[in-house]
Amino acid sequence: MRHVILTCINHPELRWSTKECAVTNGKYNGQRNLSFDGIPITNADDTPKMYFDLSGVECEMVTADGRYVKECSCPPSDLVVAEEDKLVKRYE
């Protein structure tokens, strides 16, 4: 089962991941645990940097200026599939 990249509707710079069975109609349904990933790392052209196997987007928990990226306190129901999730390779 593949992982899905999620973002908060109120904090679109943040990313989480979960298994695809925890997503219904593009929203987190609570059926699996979440992993807070931080903020996406981008390439020079502002596209998200993907893992080498295209299974997800690389994120960082500490910014370039040394600040720790904090998870928001919004309810999990505010998590939706992130735009870059369409770049994730689906293994059949």
PDB file of N, CA and C in Angstrom:
ATOM      1  N   MET A   1       0.840  -1.175   0.000  1.00  0.00           N
ATOM      2  CA  MET A   1       0.000   0.000   0.000  1.00  0.00           C
ATOM      3  C   MET A   1       0.887   1.241   0.000  1.00  0.00           C
ATOM      4  N   ARG A   2       0.606   2.180  -0.871  1.00  0.00           N
ATOM      5  CA  ARG A   2       1.441   3.367  -0.990  1.00  0.00           C
ATOM      6  C   ARG A   2       1.090   4.427   0.047  1.00  0.00           C
ATOM      7  N   HIS A   3       2.011   5.345   0.250  1.00  0.00           N
ATOM      8  CA  HIS A   3       1.782   6.473   1.133  1.00  0.00           C
ATOM      9  C   HIS A   3       1.237   7.647   0.336  1.00  0.00           C
ATOM     10  N   VAL A   4       0.479   8.487   1.016  1.00  0.00           N
ATOM     11  CA  VAL A   4      -0.137   9.666   0.416  1.00  0.00           C
ATOM     12  C   VAL A   4       0.430  10.894   1.122  1.00  0.00           C
ATOM     13  N   ILE A   5       0.668  11.955   0.372  1.00  0.00           N
ATOM     14  CA  ILE A   5       1.166  13.214   0.923  1.00  0.00           C
ATOM     15  C   ILE A   5      -0.044  14.088   1.254  1.00  0.00           C
ATOM     16  N   LEU A   6      -0.098  14.567   2.500  1.00  0.00           N
ATOM     17  CA  LEU A   6      -1.203  15.421   2.945  1.00  0.00           C
ATOM     18  C   LEU A   6      -0.692  16.802   3.318  1.00  0.00           C
ATOM     19  N   THR A   7      -1.589  17.780   3.262  1.00  0.00           N
ATOM     20  CA  THR A   7      -1.300  19.129   3.712  1.00  0.00           C
ATOM     21  C   THR A   7      -2.514  19.652   4.468  1.00  0.00           C
ATOM     22  N   CYS A   8      -2.331  20.687   5.260  1.00  0.00           N
ATOM     23  CA  CYS A   8      -3.423  21.304   6.016  1.00  0.00           C
ATOM     24  C   CYS A   8      -4.036  22.418   5.178  1.00  0.00           C
ATOM     25  N   ILE A   9      -5.352  22.495   5.174  1.00  0.00           N
ATOM     26  CA  ILE A   9      -5.996  23.553   4.384  1.00  0.00           C
ATOM     27  C   ILE A   9      -5.663  24.942   4.927  1.00  0.00           C
ATOM     28  N   ASN A  10      -5.287  25.024   6.209  1.00  0.00           N
ATOM     29  CA  ASN A  10      -4.945  26.306   6.824  1.00  0.00           C
ATOM     30  C   ASN A  10      -3.445  26.594   6.827  1.00  0.00           C
ATOM     31  N   HIS A  11      -2.643  25.567   6.605  1.00  0.00           N
ATOM     32  CA  HIS A  11      -1.174  25.696   6.620  1.00  0.00           C
ATOM     33  C   HIS A  11      -0.607  24.915   5.429  1.00  0.00           C
ATOM     34  N   PRO A  12      -0.778  25.427   4.216  1.00  0.00           N
ATOM     35  CA  PRO A  12      -0.407  24.684   3.006  1.00  0.00           C
ATOM     36  C   PRO A  12       1.088  24.426   2.839  1.00  0.00           C
ATOM     37  N   GLU A  13       1.927  25.002   3.690  1.00  0.00           N
ATOM     38  CA  GLU A  13       3.370  24.755   3.607  1.00  0.00           C
ATOM     39  C   GLU A  13       3.781  23.481   4.352  1.00  0.00           C
ATOM     40  N   LEU A  14       2.905  22.918   5.166  1.00  0.00           N
ATOM     41  CA  LEU A  14       3.227  21.743   5.976  1.00  0.00           C
ATOM     42  C   LEU A  14       2.822  20.449   5.274  1.00  0.00           C
ATOM     43  N   ARG A  15       3.533  19.350   5.595  1.00  0.00           N
ATOM     44  CA  ARG A  15       3.254  18.048   4.980  1.00  0.00           C
ATOM     45  C   ARG A  15       3.216  16.930   6.010  1.00  0.00           C
ATOM     46  N   TRP A  16       2.314  15.977   5.778  1.00  0.00           N
ATOM     47  CA  TRP A  16       2.178  14.745   6.543  1.00  0.00           C
ATOM     48  C   TRP A  16       2.126  13.607   5.546  1.00  0.00           C
ATOM     49  N   SER A  17       2.297  12.394   6.024  1.00  0.00           N
ATOM     50  CA  SER A  17       2.089  11.235   5.161  1.00  0.00           C
ATOM     51  C   SER A  17       1.297  10.187   5.932  1.00  0.00           C
ATOM     52  N   THR A  18       0.581   9.375   5.187  1.00  0.00           N
ATOM     53  CA  THR A  18      -0.203   8.283   5.742  1.00  0.00           C
ATOM     54  C   THR A  18      -0.431   7.269   4.631  1.00  0.00           C
ATOM     55  N   LYS A  19      -0.972   6.136   4.965  1.00  0.00           N
ATOM     56  CA  LYS A  19      -1.271   5.138   3.938  1.00  0.00           C
ATOM     57  C   LYS A  19      -2.551   5.522   3.199  1.00  0.00           C
ATOM     58  N   GLU A  20      -2.647   5.102   1.944  1.00  0.00           N
ATOM     59  CA  GLU A  20      -3.747   5.542   1.089  1.00  0.00           C
ATOM     60  C   GLU A  20      -5.124   5.127   1.588  1.00  0.00           C
ATOM     61  N   CYS A  21      -5.217   4.075   2.399  1.00  0.00           N
ATOM     62  CA  CYS A  21      -6.529   3.674   2.918  1.00  0.00           C
ATOM     63  C   CYS A  21      -7.057   4.671   3.947  1.00  0.00           C
ATOM     64  N   ALA A  22      -6.226   5.622   4.384  1.00  0.00           N
ATOM     65  CA  ALA A  22      -6.639   6.641   5.342  1.00  0.00           C
ATOM     66  C   ALA A  22      -7.138   7.905   4.651  1.00  0.00           C
ATOM     67  N   VAL A  23      -7.356   7.824   3.341  1.00  0.00           N
ATOM     68  CA  VAL A  23      -7.831   8.975   2.577  1.00  0.00           C
ATOM     69  C   VAL A  23      -9.098   8.586   1.822  1.00  0.00           C
ATOM     70  N   THR A  24     -10.127   9.407   1.991  1.00  0.00           N
ATOM     71  CA  THR A  24     -11.385   9.216   1.277  1.00  0.00           C
ATOM     72  C   THR A  24     -11.766  10.543   0.632  1.00  0.00           C
ATOM     73  N   ASN A  25     -12.009  10.504  -0.668  1.00  0.00           N
ATOM     74  CA  ASN A  25     -12.394  11.720  -1.400  1.00  0.00           C
ATOM     75  C   ASN A  25     -11.432  12.884  -1.158  1.00  0.00           C
ATOM     76  N   GLY A  26     -10.137  12.571  -1.120  1.00  0.00           N
ATOM     77  CA  GLY A  26      -9.115  13.609  -0.996  1.00  0.00           C
ATOM     78  C   GLY A  26      -8.893  14.146   0.401  1.00  0.00           C
ATOM     79  N   LYS A  27      -9.559  13.569   1.419  1.00  0.00           N
ATOM     80  CA  LYS A  27      -9.415  14.047   2.794  1.00  0.00           C
ATOM     81  C   LYS A  27      -8.995  12.903   3.713  1.00  0.00           C
ATOM     82  N   TYR A  28      -8.264  13.241   4.762  1.00  0.00           N
ATOM     83  CA  TYR A  28      -7.840  12.264   5.760  1.00  0.00           C
ATOM     84  C   TYR A  28      -9.070  11.742   6.504  1.00  0.00           C
ATOM     85  N   ASN A  29      -9.196  10.407   6.599  1.00  0.00           N
ATOM     86  CA  ASN A  29     -10.370   9.821   7.249  1.00  0.00           C
ATOM     87  C   ASN A  29     -10.081   9.224   8.622  1.00  0.00           C
ATOM     88  N   GLY A  30      -8.837   9.280   9.075  1.00  0.00           N
ATOM     89  CA  GLY A  30      -8.498   8.825  10.414  1.00  0.00           C
ATOM     90  C   GLY A  30      -8.261   7.340  10.571  1.00  0.00           C
ATOM     91  N   GLN A  31      -8.247   6.579   9.494  1.00  0.00           N
ATOM     92  CA  GLN A  31      -8.120   5.131   9.604  1.00  0.00           C
ATOM     93  C   GLN A  31      -6.685   4.634   9.771  1.00  0.00           C
ATOM     94  N   ARG A  32      -5.700   5.488   9.696  1.00  0.00           N
ATOM     95  CA  ARG A  32      -4.300   5.119   9.918  1.00  0.00           C
ATOM     96  C   ARG A  32      -3.588   6.277  10.612  1.00  0.00           C
ATOM     97  N   ASN A  33      -2.424   5.984  11.177  1.00  0.00           N
ATOM     98  CA  ASN A  33      -1.616   7.011  11.826  1.00  0.00           C
ATOM     99  C   ASN A  33      -1.045   7.975  10.795  1.00  0.00           C
ATOM    100  N   LEU A  34      -0.758   9.177  11.268  1.00  0.00           N
ATOM    101  CA  LEU A  34      -0.113  10.200  10.452  1.00  0.00           C
ATOM    102  C   LEU A  34       1.349  10.312  10.838  1.00  0.00           C
ATOM    103  N   SER A  35       2.169  10.712   9.898  1.00  0.00           N
ATOM    104  CA  SER A  35       3.555  11.038  10.167  1.00  0.00           C
ATOM    105  C   SER A  35       3.770  12.487   9.724  1.00  0.00           C
ATOM    106  N   PHE A  36       4.153  13.345  10.661  1.00  0.00           N
ATOM    107  CA  PHE A  36       4.441  14.730  10.310  1.00  0.00           C
ATOM    108  C   PHE A  36       5.810  14.792   9.673  1.00  0.00           C
ATOM    109  N   ASP A  37       5.876  15.343   8.466  1.00  0.00           N
ATOM    110  CA  ASP A  37       7.121  15.355   7.703  1.00  0.00           C
ATOM    111  C   ASP A  37       7.809  16.716   7.677  1.00  0.00           C
ATOM    112  N   GLY A  38       7.089  17.799   7.969  1.00  0.00           N
ATOM    113  CA  GLY A  38       7.693  19.130   7.959  1.00  0.00           C
ATOM    114  C   GLY A  38       7.298  19.922   6.723  1.00  0.00           C
ATOM    115  N   ILE A  39       8.280  20.622   6.139  1.00  0.00           N
ATOM    116  CA  ILE A  39       8.034  21.413   4.929  1.00  0.00           C
ATOM    117  C   ILE A  39       8.802  20.798   3.767  1.00  0.00           C
ATOM    118  N   PRO A  40       8.202  20.828   2.571  1.00  0.00           N
ATOM    119  CA  PRO A  40       8.872  20.212   1.416  1.00  0.00           C
ATOM    120  C   PRO A  40      10.161  20.930   1.038  1.00  0.00           C
ATOM    121  N   ILE A  41      11.127  20.153   0.597  1.00  0.00           N
ATOM    122  CA  ILE A  41      12.357  20.688   0.017  1.00  0.00           C
ATOM    123  C   ILE A  41      12.068  20.882  -1.471  1.00  0.00           C
ATOM    124  N   THR A  42      12.466  22.014  -2.016  1.00  0.00           N
ATOM    125  CA  THR A  42      12.197  22.266  -3.431  1.00  0.00           C
ATOM    126  C   THR A  42      13.481  22.297  -4.243  1.00  0.00           C
ATOM    127  N   ASN A  43      13.330  21.975  -5.507  1.00  0.00           N
ATOM    128  CA  ASN A  43      14.434  22.081  -6.462  1.00  0.00           C
ATOM    129  C   ASN A  43      14.621  23.541  -6.837  1.00  0.00           C
ATOM    130  N   ALA A  44      15.635  23.841  -7.613  1.00  0.00           N
ATOM    131  CA  ALA A  44      15.924  25.210  -8.043  1.00  0.00           C
ATOM    132  C   ALA A  44      14.746  25.832  -8.793  1.00  0.00           C
ATOM    133  N   ASP A  45      13.949  25.002  -9.482  1.00  0.00           N
ATOM    134  CA  ASP A  45      12.804  25.528 -10.238  1.00  0.00           C
ATOM    135  C   ASP A  45      11.514  25.538  -9.417  1.00  0.00           C
ATOM    136  N   ASP A  46      11.625  25.421  -8.101  1.00  0.00           N
ATOM    137  CA  ASP A  46      10.506  25.435  -7.149  1.00  0.00           C
ATOM    138  C   ASP A  46       9.588  24.220  -7.218  1.00  0.00           C
ATOM    139  N   THR A  47       9.987  23.177  -7.918  1.00  0.00           N
ATOM    140  CA  THR A  47       9.216  21.938  -7.902  1.00  0.00           C
ATOM    141  C   THR A  47       9.644  21.139  -6.675  1.00  0.00           C
ATOM    142  N   PRO A  48       8.732  20.328  -6.123  1.00  0.00           N
ATOM    143  CA  PRO A  48       9.111  19.551  -4.942  1.00  0.00           C
ATOM    144  C   PRO A  48      10.166  18.496  -5.264  1.00  0.00           C
ATOM    145  N   LYS A  49      11.127  18.341  -4.358  1.00  0.00           N
ATOM    146  CA  LYS A  49      12.168  17.322  -4.536  1.00  0.00           C
ATOM    147  C   LYS A  49      11.592  15.975  -4.090  1.00  0.00           C
ATOM    148  N   MET A  50      11.528  15.037  -5.009  1.00  0.00           N
ATOM    149  CA  MET A  50      10.942  13.735  -4.728  1.00  0.00           C
ATOM    150  C   MET A  50      12.020  12.763  -4.248  1.00  0.00           C
ATOM    151  N   TYR A  51      11.612  11.742  -3.470  1.00  0.00           N
ATOM    152  CA  TYR A  51      12.526  10.662  -3.106  1.00  0.00           C
ATOM    153  C   TYR A  51      13.034   9.998  -4.383  1.00  0.00           C
ATOM    154  N   PHE A  52      14.187   9.356  -4.309  1.00  0.00           N
ATOM    155  CA  PHE A  52      14.794   8.757  -5.503  1.00  0.00           C
ATOM    156  C   PHE A  52      13.869   7.752  -6.191  1.00  0.00           C
ATOM    157  N   ASP A  53      12.993   7.083  -5.431  1.00  0.00           N
ATOM    158  CA  ASP A  53      12.085   6.095  -6.028  1.00  0.00           C
ATOM    159  C   ASP A  53      10.709   6.679  -6.356  1.00  0.00           C
ATOM    160  N   LEU A  54      10.581   8.000  -6.218  1.00  0.00           N
ATOM    161  CA  LEU A  54       9.340   8.736  -6.489  1.00  0.00           C
ATOM    162  C   LEU A  54       8.180   8.314  -5.592  1.00  0.00           C
ATOM    163  N   SER A  55       8.486   7.811  -4.387  1.00  0.00           N
ATOM    164  CA  SER A  55       7.441   7.367  -3.467  1.00  0.00           C
ATOM    165  C   SER A  55       6.889   8.493  -2.601  1.00  0.00           C
ATOM    166  N   GLY A  56       7.502   9.661  -2.649  1.00  0.00           N
ATOM    167  CA  GLY A  56       7.046  10.792  -1.845  1.00  0.00           C
ATOM    168  C   GLY A  56       7.962  11.979  -2.021  1.00  0.00           C
ATOM    169  N   VAL A  57       7.648  13.041  -1.295  1.00  0.00           N
ATOM    170  CA  VAL A  57       8.414  14.279  -1.399  1.00  0.00           C
ATOM    171  C   VAL A  57       9.352  14.397  -0.195  1.00  0.00           C
ATOM    172  N   GLU A  58      10.561  14.870  -0.454  1.00  0.00           N
ATOM    173  CA  GLU A  58      11.525  15.075   0.630  1.00  0.00           C
ATOM    174  C   GLU A  58      11.132  16.317   1.422  1.00  0.00           C
ATOM    175  N   CYS A  59      11.165  16.199   2.734  1.00  0.00           N
ATOM    176  CA  CYS A  59      10.812  17.310   3.614  1.00  0.00           C
ATOM    177  C   CYS A  59      11.914  17.527   4.631  1.00  0.00           C
ATOM    178  N   GLU A  60      11.850  18.683   5.291  1.00  0.00           N
ATOM    179  CA  GLU A  60      12.810  18.981   6.342  1.00  0.00           C
ATOM    180  C   GLU A  60      12.069  19.445   7.583  1.00  0.00           C
ATOM    181  N   MET A  61      12.661  19.137   8.733  1.00  0.00           N
ATOM    182  CA  MET A  61      12.078  19.523  10.019  1.00  0.00           C
ATOM    183  C   MET A  61      12.786  20.734  10.621  1.00  0.00           C
ATOM    184  N   VAL A  62      13.909  21.130  10.017  1.00  0.00           N
ATOM    185  CA  VAL A  62      14.650  22.298  10.469  1.00  0.00           C
ATOM    186  C   VAL A  62      14.931  23.145   9.237  1.00  0.00           C
ATOM    187  N   THR A  63      14.587  24.424   9.300  1.00  0.00           N
ATOM    188  CA  THR A  63      14.787  25.322   8.161  1.00  0.00           C
ATOM    189  C   THR A  63      16.257  25.703   8.017  1.00  0.00           C
ATOM    190  N   ALA A  64      16.586  26.333   6.901  1.00  0.00           N
ATOM    191  CA  ALA A  64      17.970  26.733   6.632  1.00  0.00           C
ATOM    192  C   ALA A  64      18.503  27.685   7.696  1.00  0.00           C
ATOM    193  N   ASP A  65      17.621  28.478   8.299  1.00  0.00           N
ATOM    194  CA  ASP A  65      18.069  29.410   9.344  1.00  0.00           C
ATOM    195  C   ASP A  65      18.010  28.797  10.750  1.00  0.00           C
ATOM    196  N   GLY A  66      17.815  27.466  10.825  1.00  0.00           N
ATOM    197  CA  GLY A  66      17.885  26.759  12.100  1.00  0.00           C
ATOM    198  C   GLY A  66      16.597  26.678  12.898  1.00  0.00           C
ATOM    199  N   ARG A  67      15.497  27.141  12.336  1.00  0.00           N
ATOM    200  CA  ARG A  67      14.215  27.065  13.050  1.00  0.00           C
ATOM    201  C   ARG A  67      13.597  25.677  12.899  1.00  0.00           C
ATOM    202  N   TYR A  68      13.045  25.154  13.997  1.00  0.00           N
ATOM    203  CA  TYR A  68      12.356  23.867  13.979  1.00  0.00           C
ATOM    204  C   TYR A  68      10.959  24.060  13.391  1.00  0.00           C
ATOM    205  N   VAL A  69      10.567  23.214  12.464  1.00  0.00           N
ATOM    206  CA  VAL A  69       9.243  23.285  11.841  1.00  0.00           C
ATOM    207  C   VAL A  69       8.248  22.613  12.782  1.00  0.00           C
ATOM    208  N   LYS A  70       7.235  23.350  13.205  1.00  0.00           N
ATOM    209  CA  LYS A  70       6.251  22.829  14.147  1.00  0.00           C
ATOM    210  C   LYS A  70       4.977  22.404  13.424  1.00  0.00           C
ATOM    211  N   GLU A  71       4.400  21.347  13.931  1.00  0.00           N
ATOM    212  CA  GLU A  71       3.123  20.865  13.430  1.00  0.00           C
ATOM    213  C   GLU A  71       2.031  21.831  13.877  1.00  0.00           C
ATOM    214  N   CYS A  72       1.049  22.068  13.025  1.00  0.00           N
ATOM    215  CA  CYS A  72      -0.040  22.966  13.406  1.00  0.00           C
ATOM    216  C   CYS A  72      -0.995  22.250  14.363  1.00  0.00           C
ATOM    217  N   SER A  73      -1.864  23.007  14.996  1.00  0.00           N
ATOM    218  CA  SER A  73      -2.806  22.428  15.954  1.00  0.00           C
ATOM    219  C   SER A  73      -4.207  22.279  15.373  1.00  0.00           C
ATOM    220  N   CYS A  74      -4.319  22.345  14.062  1.00  0.00           N
ATOM    221  CA  CYS A  74      -5.612  22.183  13.405  1.00  0.00           C
ATOM    222  C   CYS A  74      -6.106  20.743  13.568  1.00  0.00           C
ATOM    223  N   PRO A  75      -7.411  20.523  13.496  1.00  0.00           N
ATOM    224  CA  PRO A  75      -7.927  19.156  13.612  1.00  0.00           C
ATOM    225  C   PRO A  75      -7.524  18.321  12.400  1.00  0.00           C
ATOM    226  N   PRO A  76      -7.350  17.014  12.580  1.00  0.00           N
ATOM    227  CA  PRO A  76      -6.972  16.142  11.461  1.00  0.00           C
ATOM    228  C   PRO A  76      -7.949  16.205  10.283  1.00  0.00           C
ATOM    229  N   SER A  77      -9.165  16.596  10.546  1.00  0.00           N
ATOM    230  CA  SER A  77     -10.150  16.713   9.462  1.00  0.00           C
ATOM    231  C   SER A  77      -9.793  17.820   8.472  1.00  0.00           C
ATOM    232  N   ASP A  78      -8.839  18.684   8.826  1.00  0.00           N
ATOM    233  CA  ASP A  78      -8.377  19.750   7.921  1.00  0.00           C
ATOM    234  C   ASP A  78      -7.272  19.278   6.980  1.00  0.00           C
ATOM    235  N   LEU A  79      -6.875  18.008   7.064  1.00  0.00           N
ATOM    236  CA  LEU A  79      -5.816  17.485   6.197  1.00  0.00           C
ATOM    237  C   LEU A  79      -6.401  16.950   4.899  1.00  0.00           C
ATOM    238  N   VAL A  80      -5.790  17.394   3.792  1.00  0.00           N
ATOM    239  CA  VAL A  80      -6.222  16.990   2.457  1.00  0.00           C
ATOM    240  C   VAL A  80      -5.003  16.539   1.656  1.00  0.00           C
ATOM    241  N   VAL A  81      -5.246  15.857   0.566  1.00  0.00           N
ATOM    242  CA  VAL A  81      -4.161  15.400  -0.303  1.00  0.00           C
ATOM    243  C   VAL A  81      -3.447  16.616  -0.894  1.00  0.00           C
ATOM    244  N   ALA A  82      -2.126  16.631  -0.794  1.00  0.00           N
ATOM    245  CA  ALA A  82      -1.308  17.735  -1.313  1.00  0.00           C
ATOM    246  C   ALA A  82      -1.219  17.670  -2.832  1.00  0.00           C
ATOM    247  N   GLU A  83      -1.025  18.802  -3.438  1.00  0.00           N
ATOM    248  CA  GLU A  83      -0.935  18.915  -4.895  1.00  0.00           C
ATOM    249  C   GLU A  83       0.136  18.004  -5.481  1.00  0.00           C
ATOM    250  N   GLU A  84       1.311  17.918  -4.816  1.00  0.00           N
ATOM    251  CA  GLU A  84       2.399  17.122  -5.374  1.00  0.00           C
ATOM    252  C   GLU A  84       2.191  15.618  -5.231  1.00  0.00           C
ATOM    253  N   ASP A  85       1.126  15.201  -4.546  1.00  0.00           N
ATOM    254  CA  ASP A  85       0.860  13.768  -4.430  1.00  0.00           C
ATOM    255  C   ASP A  85       0.663  13.126  -5.797  1.00  0.00           C
ATOM    256  N   LYS A  86       0.219  13.915  -6.776  1.00  0.00           N
ATOM    257  CA  LYS A  86       0.034  13.363  -8.127  1.00  0.00           C
ATOM    258  C   LYS A  86       1.363  12.936  -8.756  1.00  0.00           C
ATOM    259  N   LEU A  87       2.501  13.393  -8.193  1.00  0.00           N
ATOM    260  CA  LEU A  87       3.819  13.010  -8.711  1.00  0.00           C
ATOM    261  C   LEU A  87       4.317  11.683  -8.140  1.00  0.00           C
ATOM    262  N   VAL A  88       3.649  11.173  -7.123  1.00  0.00           N
ATOM    263  CA  VAL A  88       4.071   9.932  -6.477  1.00  0.00           C
ATOM    264  C   VAL A  88       3.839   8.757  -7.429  1.00  0.00           C
ATOM    265  N   LYS A  89       4.869   7.937  -7.564  1.00  0.00           N
ATOM    266  CA  LYS A  89       4.753   6.767  -8.439  1.00  0.00           C
ATOM    267  C   LYS A  89       3.894   5.726  -7.750  1.00  0.00           C
ATOM    268  N   ARG A  90       2.943   5.207  -8.476  1.00  0.00           N
ATOM    269  CA  ARG A  90       2.070   4.175  -7.950  1.00  0.00           C
ATOM    270  C   ARG A  90       2.577   2.820  -8.430  1.00  0.00           C
ATOM    271  N   TYR A  91       2.988   1.998  -7.477  1.00  0.00           N
ATOM    272  CA  TYR A  91       3.498   0.668  -7.817  1.00  0.00           C
ATOM    273  C   TYR A  91       2.344  -0.298  -7.870  1.00  0.00           C
ATOM    274  N   GLU A  92       2.241  -1.003  -8.961  1.00  0.00           N
ATOM    275  CA  GLU A  92       1.132  -1.954  -9.151  1.00  0.00           C
ATOM    276  C   GLU A  92       1.555  -3.351  -8.808  1.00  0.00           C
TER     277      GLU A  92
END
